[in-house]
Each structure stands twice: as C-alpha cells, then as structure tokens.
Amino acid sequence: MIFHNVLDIAEIVRQLQEESRVIDPEDLAHISPYLTEHIRRFGEYRSANSRLTPSSWR
C-alpha cells in the first residue's frame, strides 16, 4: 500500500511539473505515503461467524 501511494504521489508531482507548476521541496517534505487515519492495522475486525469457536467449524 505504501509503495502504491509513493507511485501515486510521484505521478501527481510529475503532472503538476508538466503544467509548469512550481513544486517546493519543503511542501513535499510534509507528504507521507504512510497514511494511518482511516486504517485500523491491529484491531476490531468482526465477522458474521465471530461467535463460533474453532471446534464449531469442523
């Protein structure tokens, strides 16, 4: 996911430069490909069968 974000950011910067927009390196320093706002890496995943124990699956 991070790699994909880096590619997207690089493509957008390239397009802006082709439009003769000036890209300040200081602005780029504030962009992170590691977005964490809406991602729960470690928690609260539920499924319809969450009440079943492993022996119930057999």
C-alpha atoms as a PDB file:
ATOM      1  CA  MET A   1       0.000   0.000   0.000  1.00  0.00           C
ATOM      2  CA  ILE A   2       2.792   2.408   0.863  1.00  0.00           C
ATOM      3  CA  PHE A   3       4.576   1.659  -2.415  1.00  0.00           C
ATOM      4  CA  HIS A   4       1.370   2.334  -4.347  1.00  0.00           C
ATOM      5  CA  ASN A   5       0.932   5.651  -2.511  1.00  0.00           C
ATOM      6  CA  VAL A   6       4.505   6.641  -3.388  1.00  0.00           C
ATOM      7  CA  LEU A   7       3.825   5.931  -7.055  1.00  0.00           C
ATOM      8  CA  ASP A   8       0.622   7.967  -6.959  1.00  0.00           C
ATOM      9  CA  ILE A   9       2.333  10.915  -5.264  1.00  0.00           C
ATOM     10  CA  ALA A  10       5.222  10.822  -7.753  1.00  0.00           C
ATOM     11  CA  GLU A  11       2.801  10.756 -10.700  1.00  0.00           C
ATOM     12  CA  ILE A  12       0.834  13.726  -9.364  1.00  0.00           C
ATOM     13  CA  VAL A  13       4.027  15.725  -8.786  1.00  0.00           C
ATOM     14  CA  ARG A  14       5.176  14.864 -12.316  1.00  0.00           C
ATOM     15  CA  GLN A  15       1.843  16.032 -13.768  1.00  0.00           C
ATOM     16  CA  LEU A  16       1.994  19.293 -11.827  1.00  0.00           C
ATOM     17  CA  GLN A  17       5.517  19.939 -13.080  1.00  0.00           C
ATOM     18  CA  GLU A  18       4.388  19.296 -16.667  1.00  0.00           C
ATOM     19  CA  GLU A  19       1.755  22.004 -16.111  1.00  0.00           C
ATOM     20  CA  SER A  20       4.635  24.350 -15.215  1.00  0.00           C
ATOM     21  CA  ARG A  21       3.660  24.416 -11.553  1.00  0.00           C
ATOM     22  CA  VAL A  22       6.480  25.053  -9.119  1.00  0.00           C
ATOM     23  CA  ILE A  23       6.843  22.278  -6.553  1.00  0.00           C
ATOM     24  CA  ASP A  24       8.541  23.377  -3.365  1.00  0.00           C
ATOM     25  CA  PRO A  25      10.620  20.551  -1.826  1.00  0.00           C
ATOM     26  CA  GLU A  26       9.579  21.875   1.586  1.00  0.00           C
ATOM     27  CA  ASP A  27       5.943  21.081   0.738  1.00  0.00           C
ATOM     28  CA  LEU A  28       6.861  17.567  -0.364  1.00  0.00           C
ATOM     29  CA  ALA A  29       8.595  17.002   2.966  1.00  0.00           C
ATOM     30  CA  HIS A  30       5.178  17.137   4.650  1.00  0.00           C
ATOM     31  CA  ILE A  31       3.608  14.454   2.466  1.00  0.00           C
ATOM     32  CA  SER A  32       3.718  10.913   3.786  1.00  0.00           C
ATOM     33  CA  PRO A  33       2.875   7.761   1.837  1.00  0.00           C
ATOM     34  CA  TYR A  34       2.112   6.064   5.147  1.00  0.00           C
ATOM     35  CA  LEU A  35      -1.452   7.166   5.786  1.00  0.00           C
ATOM     36  CA  THR A  36      -2.893   5.912   9.045  1.00  0.00           C
ATOM     37  CA  GLU A  37      -6.018   7.975   9.655  1.00  0.00           C
ATOM     38  CA  HIS A  38      -8.676   5.540   8.484  1.00  0.00           C
ATOM     39  CA  ILE A  39      -6.771   2.295   8.851  1.00  0.00           C
ATOM     40  CA  ARG A  40      -7.000   0.004  11.863  1.00  0.00           C
ATOM     41  CA  ARG A  41      -3.926  -2.137  11.480  1.00  0.00           C
ATOM     42  CA  PHE A  42      -4.375  -4.223  14.603  1.00  0.00           C
ATOM     43  CA  GLY A  43      -7.907  -4.243  15.682  1.00  0.00           C
ATOM     44  CA  GLU A  44     -11.609  -4.619  15.870  1.00  0.00           C
ATOM     45  CA  TYR A  45     -12.287  -6.961  12.985  1.00  0.00           C
ATOM     46  CA  ARG A  46     -15.582  -8.786  13.127  1.00  0.00           C
ATOM     47  CA  SER A  47     -17.177 -11.447  11.024  1.00  0.00           C
ATOM     48  CA  ALA A  48     -20.651 -12.951  10.885  1.00  0.00           C
ATOM     49  CA  ASN A  49     -19.246 -16.126  12.469  1.00  0.00           C
ATOM     50  CA  SER A  50     -17.264 -14.463  15.249  1.00  0.00           C
ATOM     51  CA  ARG A  51     -19.176 -16.337  17.965  1.00  0.00           C
ATOM     52  CA  LEU A  52     -18.173 -19.750  16.654  1.00  0.00           C
ATOM     53  CA  THR A  53     -15.314 -21.484  18.361  1.00  0.00           C
ATOM     54  CA  PRO A  54     -12.699 -23.304  16.268  1.00  0.00           C
ATOM     55  CA  SER A  55     -14.247 -26.696  17.098  1.00  0.00           C
ATOM     56  CA  SER A  56     -17.562 -25.462  15.668  1.00  0.00           C
ATOM     57  CA  TRP A  57     -16.012 -25.085  12.232  1.00  0.00           C
ATOM     58  CA  ARG A  58     -15.389 -28.831  11.862  1.00  0.00           C
END
